[in-house]
Amino acid sequence: QLIGIEAEQKMFTLAASNMIIRGDGKANLYHGDCFDEDIFQKIRTIHKPTVGMINPPYSQTEDGGKELDFVFNMLEMLEPNGIGIAIVPINCAVSPQETYLREKILNKHTLEAVMSMPTTLFYPVGTVTCIMVFRAKKAHDSNKFSWFGLWRDDGFKVSRNAGRIDKDDNWERVKKEWLHNYKSRIDDKKTSVLRKVSA
């Protein structure tokens, strides 16, 4: 039931090889551009996905680039009431230049949550990210409370030789706490809040 789209040949080959090694010979992997109309229509009509996850290419520009175009495209592929999850640079959530793209998304899809991620998540690359969670095909209601989580400290430490490591075995505890707070929509005013937001 997994569907994947990858434009880069090397990454596509690695993904396909990984699926074959793990015994999944029926993986629905598409080699091509996710904006290609033919691929878009096949995914919408044949597969009818209910959950989408995306880590779009990061533009590395001041205004956050066009990562939100990828997010919108993913949400448009989902079935009504589907859940779309995207990890994007924080600029996508806060940059004034991105307002028109956020508006385009919220006119058709609901923002359920945003979680700010650890600043070293993609170490050694310095991109600061957040995760956005949307409900597809339902316009965002301006009276809806979206959930915002400050997920900066996941317990991992940066080691020059090993990257990010869970040196003190904190991750399982932190993960449980984060998931509980998200699922319960906890508003503790320190690490999470519920707020009405617009684009």
Protein backbone atom coordinates (compact mmCIF):
# COMPACT_ATOMS: atom_id res chain seq x y z
CA GLN A 1 0.00 0.00 0.00
CA LEU A 2 3.03 2.28 -0.19
CA ILE A 3 3.31 4.71 -3.10
CA GLY A 4 6.46 6.65 -3.91
CA ILE A 5 7.53 9.25 -6.45
CA GLU A 6 11.19 10.10 -7.06
CA ALA A 7 12.63 12.21 -9.86
CA GLU A 8 16.35 11.49 -9.32
CA GLN A 9 17.46 8.26 -10.98
CA LYS A 10 19.97 7.35 -8.26
CA MET A 11 17.47 7.83 -5.43
CA PHE A 12 14.77 5.97 -7.35
CA THR A 13 17.13 3.02 -7.90
CA LEU A 14 18.10 2.97 -4.21
CA ALA A 15 14.44 3.06 -3.14
CA ALA A 16 13.45 0.29 -5.56
CA SER A 17 16.46 -1.86 -4.51
CA ASN A 18 15.62 -1.35 -0.85
CA MET A 19 12.02 -2.48 -1.43
CA ILE A 20 13.16 -5.58 -3.37
CA ILE A 21 15.70 -6.54 -0.67
CA ARG A 22 12.91 -6.30 1.93
CA GLY A 23 10.71 -8.62 -0.11
CA ASP A 24 8.27 -6.02 -1.47
CA GLY A 25 8.19 -6.69 -5.19
CA LYS A 26 4.89 -4.86 -5.68
CA ALA A 27 5.95 -1.42 -4.48
CA ASN A 28 4.20 1.39 -6.33
CA LEU A 29 7.28 3.45 -7.07
CA TYR A 30 7.06 6.05 -9.83
CA HIS A 31 10.19 7.41 -11.46
CA GLY A 32 9.36 10.95 -12.45
CA ASP A 33 8.18 14.38 -11.41
CA CYS A 34 5.40 14.54 -8.80
CA PHE A 35 3.96 17.50 -10.73
CA ASP A 36 3.63 15.40 -13.90
CA GLU A 37 -0.10 15.29 -14.73
CA ASP A 38 -0.02 11.61 -15.75
CA ILE A 39 1.62 10.49 -12.48
CA PHE A 40 -0.64 12.82 -10.47
CA GLN A 41 -3.81 11.36 -12.02
CA LYS A 42 -2.64 7.74 -11.64
CA ILE A 43 -1.99 8.23 -7.95
CA ARG A 44 -5.31 10.00 -7.37
CA THR A 45 -7.47 7.60 -9.34
CA ILE A 46 -5.72 4.22 -9.04
CA HIS A 47 -4.20 4.34 -5.56
CA LYS A 48 -6.53 6.82 -3.77
CA PRO A 49 -4.03 7.57 -0.95
CA THR A 50 -5.31 8.49 2.51
CA VAL A 51 -1.96 9.49 4.05
CA GLY A 52 0.83 11.50 2.47
CA MET A 53 4.32 12.17 3.77
CA ILE A 54 6.77 14.47 2.05
CA ASN A 55 10.25 15.84 2.55
CA PRO A 56 10.44 18.15 -0.47
CA PRO A 57 13.71 19.47 -1.90
CA TYR A 58 14.82 22.50 0.10
CA SER A 59 15.56 25.57 -1.99
CA GLN A 60 18.03 27.14 0.48
CA THR A 61 16.74 30.62 -0.41
CA GLU A 62 15.84 33.42 1.97
CA ASP A 63 12.10 33.29 1.26
CA GLY A 64 11.69 29.56 1.86
CA GLY A 65 11.48 28.71 -1.83
CA LYS A 66 8.65 26.65 -3.24
CA GLU A 67 8.54 23.73 -0.83
CA LEU A 68 4.88 24.55 -0.18
CA ASP A 69 4.10 23.87 -3.85
CA PHE A 70 5.15 20.27 -3.19
CA VAL A 71 3.00 20.20 -0.04
CA PHE A 72 -0.04 21.49 -1.93
CA ASN A 73 0.50 18.94 -4.70
CA MET A 74 0.68 16.09 -2.16
CA LEU A 75 -2.51 17.26 -0.44
CA GLU A 76 -4.33 17.43 -3.77
CA MET A 77 -3.46 13.74 -4.37
CA LEU A 78 -5.06 12.62 -1.09
CA GLU A 79 -8.58 11.38 -0.56
CA PRO A 80 -10.95 13.74 1.30
CA ASN A 81 -10.19 13.76 5.03
CA GLY A 82 -6.74 12.23 4.37
CA ILE A 83 -3.75 13.31 6.45
CA GLY A 84 -0.77 15.06 4.86
CA ILE A 85 2.52 15.40 6.75
CA ALA A 86 5.41 17.55 5.52
CA ILE A 87 8.81 18.40 6.96
CA VAL A 88 9.86 21.77 5.56
CA PRO A 89 12.17 24.67 6.42
CA ILE A 90 10.70 26.85 9.18
CA ASN A 91 10.58 29.76 6.68
CA CYS A 92 7.63 28.02 5.02
CA ALA A 93 5.62 28.60 8.20
CA VAL A 94 6.71 32.14 9.05
CA SER A 95 8.07 33.96 5.99
CA PRO A 96 5.83 36.80 4.70
CA GLN A 97 6.89 35.86 1.14
CA GLU A 98 5.20 32.47 1.60
CA THR A 99 1.82 33.88 2.66
CA TYR A 100 0.25 33.44 -0.79
CA LEU A 101 1.26 29.74 -0.84
CA ARG A 102 -0.05 29.17 2.69
CA GLU A 103 -3.28 30.86 1.60
CA LYS A 104 -3.52 28.58 -1.44
CA ILE A 105 -3.18 25.55 0.86
CA LEU A 106 -5.58 26.76 3.57
CA ASN A 107 -8.26 27.62 1.02
CA LYS A 108 -8.59 23.86 0.41
CA HIS A 109 -6.96 22.05 3.33
CA THR A 110 -6.97 22.33 7.13
CA LEU A 111 -3.86 22.97 9.22
CA GLU A 112 -4.05 20.50 12.10
CA ALA A 113 -0.62 21.01 13.68
CA VAL A 114 2.90 22.42 13.36
CA MET A 115 5.87 21.09 15.30
CA SER A 116 9.19 22.94 15.37
CA MET A 117 12.03 20.43 15.11
CA PRO A 118 15.52 20.33 16.68
CA THR A 119 17.90 22.81 15.03
CA THR A 120 20.46 20.03 14.46
CA LEU A 121 17.99 17.52 12.97
CA PHE A 122 19.73 17.51 9.57
CA TYR A 123 23.26 17.90 10.98
CA PRO A 124 25.69 18.87 9.51
CA VAL A 125 23.33 20.84 7.22
CA GLY A 126 22.03 23.88 9.10
CA THR A 127 18.41 23.89 7.88
CA VAL A 128 15.95 24.54 10.72
CA THR A 129 12.71 22.67 10.06
CA CYS A 130 9.16 22.15 11.20
CA ILE A 131 6.59 19.44 10.57
CA MET A 132 3.19 20.53 9.27
CA VAL A 133 0.14 18.26 9.52
CA PHE A 134 -2.90 18.89 7.31
CA ARG A 135 -6.34 17.36 6.79
CA ALA A 136 -6.98 17.15 3.05
CA LYS A 137 -9.88 18.55 1.05
CA LYS A 138 -11.44 20.56 3.87
CA ALA A 139 -10.86 24.33 3.82
CA HIS A 140 -9.24 25.70 6.97
CA ASP A 141 -11.83 27.24 9.31
CA SER A 142 -10.57 30.51 10.80
CA ASN A 143 -12.22 29.52 14.12
CA LYS A 144 -10.36 26.21 14.31
CA PHE A 145 -7.62 25.79 16.89
CA SER A 146 -4.44 24.34 15.35
CA TRP A 147 -1.92 22.65 17.65
CA PHE A 148 1.67 23.93 17.86
CA GLY A 149 4.42 21.91 19.51
CA LEU A 150 7.92 23.04 20.46
CA TRP A 151 9.81 19.86 19.64
CA ARG A 152 13.32 21.31 19.87
CA ASP A 153 14.92 18.98 22.43
CA ASP A 154 14.66 15.33 21.42
CA GLY A 155 17.50 14.24 23.70
CA PHE A 156 19.99 13.69 20.86
CA LYS A 157 23.46 15.23 21.08
CA VAL A 158 25.75 16.09 18.17
CA SER A 159 28.95 14.07 17.97
CA ARG A 160 31.49 15.20 15.38
CA ASN A 161 32.33 11.65 14.41
CA ALA A 162 28.95 9.95 14.75
CA GLY A 163 26.42 12.70 13.94
CA ARG A 164 23.35 12.94 16.18
CA ILE A 165 23.29 10.27 18.89
CA ASP A 166 20.92 9.40 21.74
CA LYS A 167 23.80 9.31 24.20
CA ASP A 168 21.65 9.31 27.37
CA ASP A 169 18.84 7.07 26.03
CA ASN A 170 16.24 9.84 26.23
CA TRP A 171 14.53 9.35 22.87
CA GLU A 172 11.92 6.73 23.84
CA ARG A 173 10.73 8.87 26.76
CA VAL A 174 10.69 12.08 24.69
CA LYS A 175 8.88 10.37 21.79
CA LYS A 176 6.15 9.05 24.12
CA GLU A 177 5.67 12.48 25.66
CA TRP A 178 5.55 14.25 22.28
CA LEU A 179 3.05 11.80 20.81
CA HIS A 180 0.85 11.98 23.92
CA ASN A 181 0.83 15.80 23.83
CA TYR A 182 0.06 15.81 20.09
CA LYS A 183 -2.72 13.21 20.21
CA SER A 184 -4.29 14.81 23.31
CA ARG A 185 -3.80 18.34 21.93
CA ILE A 186 -2.22 19.42 25.23
CA ASP A 187 -1.92 23.19 25.70
CA ASP A 188 0.64 23.66 28.48
CA LYS A 189 1.79 27.13 27.33
CA LYS A 190 5.46 26.02 27.55
CA THR A 191 5.97 23.30 24.96
CA SER A 192 2.61 23.35 23.18
CA VAL A 193 -0.29 25.69 22.48
CA LEU A 194 -3.62 25.72 20.64
CA ARG A 195 -4.12 28.79 18.45
CA LYS A 196 -6.41 30.08 15.73
CA VAL A 197 -4.27 30.98 12.71
CA SER A 198 -4.60 32.28 9.20
CA ALA A 199 -2.18 32.17 6.27
